[in-house]
Amino acid sequence: MEPGEGRGRYSDHGCLPPARRATVRRGAAVEEYLLEGRRLRFKALRVIHGRGIGVQRETVRRILGARNFVAGFRDAPGEAGGWGAIIVTLR
């Protein structure tokens, strides 16, 4: 994928190549994903944290809130993962 390709998308065919999309298991994975999205100049990313008791969701939200290049974030719409994913808007 070329830099900027898929900019602003968060469908299964946008954001980062499939090999770079991963279910969040550790904070480092989120950090790497954000930095790669920023490097590729994406405007939006989808972080899939899964549906459970909310531990991963809160970890992701904490990391997102601490990054100055994150303009905002929200739960994904139902067709993009619902409460098992977060849509991130980058500056």
C-alpha atoms as a PDB file:
ATOM      1  CA  MET A   1       0.000   0.000   0.000  1.00  0.00           C
ATOM      2  CA  GLU A   2       1.376   3.399  -0.940  1.00  0.00           C
ATOM      3  CA  PRO A   3       1.467   6.284   1.585  1.00  0.00           C
ATOM      4  CA  GLY A   4      -1.888   8.003   1.687  1.00  0.00           C
ATOM      5  CA  GLU A   5      -3.745   5.206  -0.102  1.00  0.00           C
ATOM      6  CA  GLY A   6      -7.025   4.510   1.637  1.00  0.00           C
ATOM      7  CA  ARG A   7      -6.792   7.767   3.516  1.00  0.00           C
ATOM      8  CA  GLY A   8      -9.773   8.326   5.789  1.00  0.00           C
ATOM      9  CA  ARG A   9     -11.159   4.802   5.444  1.00  0.00           C
ATOM     10  CA  TYR A  10     -11.713   2.277   8.172  1.00  0.00           C
ATOM     11  CA  SER A  11     -13.300  -0.586   6.285  1.00  0.00           C
ATOM     12  CA  ASP A  12     -11.684  -4.002   5.984  1.00  0.00           C
ATOM     13  CA  HIS A  13     -10.036  -2.759   2.796  1.00  0.00           C
ATOM     14  CA  GLY A  14      -8.732   0.523   4.169  1.00  0.00           C
ATOM     15  CA  CYS A  15      -6.279   1.654   6.802  1.00  0.00           C
ATOM     16  CA  LEU A  16      -3.310  -0.684   6.944  1.00  0.00           C
ATOM     17  CA  PRO A  17      -2.540  -3.855   4.983  1.00  0.00           C
ATOM     18  CA  PRO A  18      -4.017  -7.062   6.476  1.00  0.00           C
ATOM     19  CA  ALA A  19      -0.662  -8.145   7.884  1.00  0.00           C
ATOM     20  CA  ARG A  20      -0.560  -4.938   9.948  1.00  0.00           C
ATOM     21  CA  ARG A  21      -4.124  -5.228  11.280  1.00  0.00           C
ATOM     22  CA  ALA A  22      -4.226  -7.128  14.531  1.00  0.00           C
ATOM     23  CA  THR A  23      -6.448  -7.665  17.484  1.00  0.00           C
ATOM     24  CA  VAL A  24      -4.990  -5.624  20.311  1.00  0.00           C
ATOM     25  CA  ARG A  25      -3.222  -7.795  22.855  1.00  0.00           C
ATOM     26  CA  ARG A  26      -0.698  -5.336  24.291  1.00  0.00           C
ATOM     27  CA  GLY A  27      -0.317  -1.580  24.444  1.00  0.00           C
ATOM     28  CA  ALA A  28       2.793  -1.798  22.252  1.00  0.00           C
ATOM     29  CA  ALA A  29       0.662  -3.122  19.383  1.00  0.00           C
ATOM     30  CA  VAL A  30      -1.581  -0.061  19.616  1.00  0.00           C
ATOM     31  CA  GLU A  31       1.411   2.285  19.699  1.00  0.00           C
ATOM     32  CA  GLU A  32       2.953   0.651  16.629  1.00  0.00           C
ATOM     33  CA  TYR A  33      -0.361   0.710  14.760  1.00  0.00           C
ATOM     34  CA  LEU A  34      -0.887   4.424  15.496  1.00  0.00           C
ATOM     35  CA  LEU A  35       2.626   5.366  14.455  1.00  0.00           C
ATOM     36  CA  GLU A  36       2.348   3.375  11.224  1.00  0.00           C
ATOM     37  CA  GLY A  37      -0.997   4.987  10.397  1.00  0.00           C
ATOM     38  CA  ARG A  38       0.490   8.403  11.076  1.00  0.00           C
ATOM     39  CA  ARG A  39       3.544   7.614   8.937  1.00  0.00           C
ATOM     40  CA  LEU A  40       1.264   6.608   6.069  1.00  0.00           C
ATOM     41  CA  ARG A  41      -0.752   9.822   6.566  1.00  0.00           C
ATOM     42  CA  PHE A  42      -4.080   8.151   7.246  1.00  0.00           C
ATOM     43  CA  LYS A  43      -6.821  10.348   8.621  1.00  0.00           C
ATOM     44  CA  ALA A  44      -8.674   7.503  10.348  1.00  0.00           C
ATOM     45  CA  LEU A  45      -7.848   4.093  11.770  1.00  0.00           C
ATOM     46  CA  ARG A  46      -9.904   1.299  13.240  1.00  0.00           C
ATOM     47  CA  VAL A  47      -8.469  -0.364  16.323  1.00  0.00           C
ATOM     48  CA  ILE A  48     -10.061  -3.739  17.023  1.00  0.00           C
ATOM     49  CA  HIS A  49      -9.845  -4.578  20.714  1.00  0.00           C
ATOM     50  CA  GLY A  50     -12.574  -7.209  20.898  1.00  0.00           C
ATOM     51  CA  ARG A  51     -15.643  -7.578  23.046  1.00  0.00           C
ATOM     52  CA  GLY A  52     -15.003  -8.686  26.571  1.00  0.00           C
ATOM     53  CA  ILE A  53     -15.096  -7.114  29.987  1.00  0.00           C
ATOM     54  CA  GLY A  54     -13.564  -3.833  28.758  1.00  0.00           C
ATOM     55  CA  VAL A  55      -9.920  -4.169  29.824  1.00  0.00           C
ATOM     56  CA  GLN A  56      -8.490  -3.882  26.298  1.00  0.00           C
ATOM     57  CA  ARG A  57     -10.957  -1.132  25.429  1.00  0.00           C
ATOM     58  CA  GLU A  58      -9.800   0.983  28.374  1.00  0.00           C
ATOM     59  CA  THR A  59      -6.142   0.331  27.570  1.00  0.00           C
ATOM     60  CA  VAL A  60      -6.689   1.530  24.007  1.00  0.00           C
ATOM     61  CA  ARG A  61      -8.622   4.610  25.162  1.00  0.00           C
ATOM     62  CA  ARG A  62      -5.872   5.517  27.652  1.00  0.00           C
ATOM     63  CA  ILE A  63      -3.193   5.280  24.949  1.00  0.00           C
ATOM     64  CA  LEU A  64      -5.266   7.281  22.457  1.00  0.00           C
ATOM     65  CA  GLY A  65      -5.984  10.023  24.980  1.00  0.00           C
ATOM     66  CA  ALA A  66      -2.271  10.480  25.645  1.00  0.00           C
ATOM     67  CA  ARG A  67      -1.245  11.034  21.991  1.00  0.00           C
ATOM     68  CA  ASN A  68      -1.141  14.594  20.676  1.00  0.00           C
ATOM     69  CA  PHE A  69      -1.535  13.434  17.062  1.00  0.00           C
ATOM     70  CA  VAL A  70      -4.901  11.779  17.851  1.00  0.00           C
ATOM     71  CA  ALA A  71      -7.655  14.289  17.121  1.00  0.00           C
ATOM     72  CA  GLY A  72     -10.399  12.092  18.583  1.00  0.00           C
ATOM     73  CA  PHE A  73     -11.841   8.612  18.901  1.00  0.00           C
ATOM     74  CA  ARG A  74     -15.214   6.908  19.241  1.00  0.00           C
ATOM     75  CA  ASP A  75     -16.787   3.474  19.266  1.00  0.00           C
ATOM     76  CA  ALA A  76     -17.035   2.049  15.771  1.00  0.00           C
ATOM     77  CA  PRO A  77     -20.439   1.847  14.083  1.00  0.00           C
ATOM     78  CA  GLY A  78     -22.029  -1.603  14.097  1.00  0.00           C
ATOM     79  CA  GLU A  79     -20.881  -2.482  10.585  1.00  0.00           C
ATOM     80  CA  ALA A  80     -17.259  -1.697  11.541  1.00  0.00           C
ATOM     81  CA  GLY A  81     -17.112  -3.652  14.796  1.00  0.00           C
ATOM     82  CA  GLY A  82     -19.450  -1.793  17.136  1.00  0.00           C
ATOM     83  CA  TRP A  83     -18.278  -1.709  20.735  1.00  0.00           C
ATOM     84  CA  GLY A  84     -15.503  -4.194  19.847  1.00  0.00           C
ATOM     85  CA  ALA A  85     -13.581  -1.536  17.921  1.00  0.00           C
ATOM     86  CA  ILE A  86     -12.669   2.147  18.110  1.00  0.00           C
ATOM     87  CA  ILE A  87     -12.441   4.609  15.213  1.00  0.00           C
ATOM     88  CA  VAL A  88      -9.485   6.936  15.645  1.00  0.00           C
ATOM     89  CA  THR A  89      -9.184  10.287  13.855  1.00  0.00           C
ATOM     90  CA  LEU A  90      -5.597  11.472  13.356  1.00  0.00           C
ATOM     91  CA  ARG A  91      -4.418  15.068  13.021  1.00  0.00           C
END
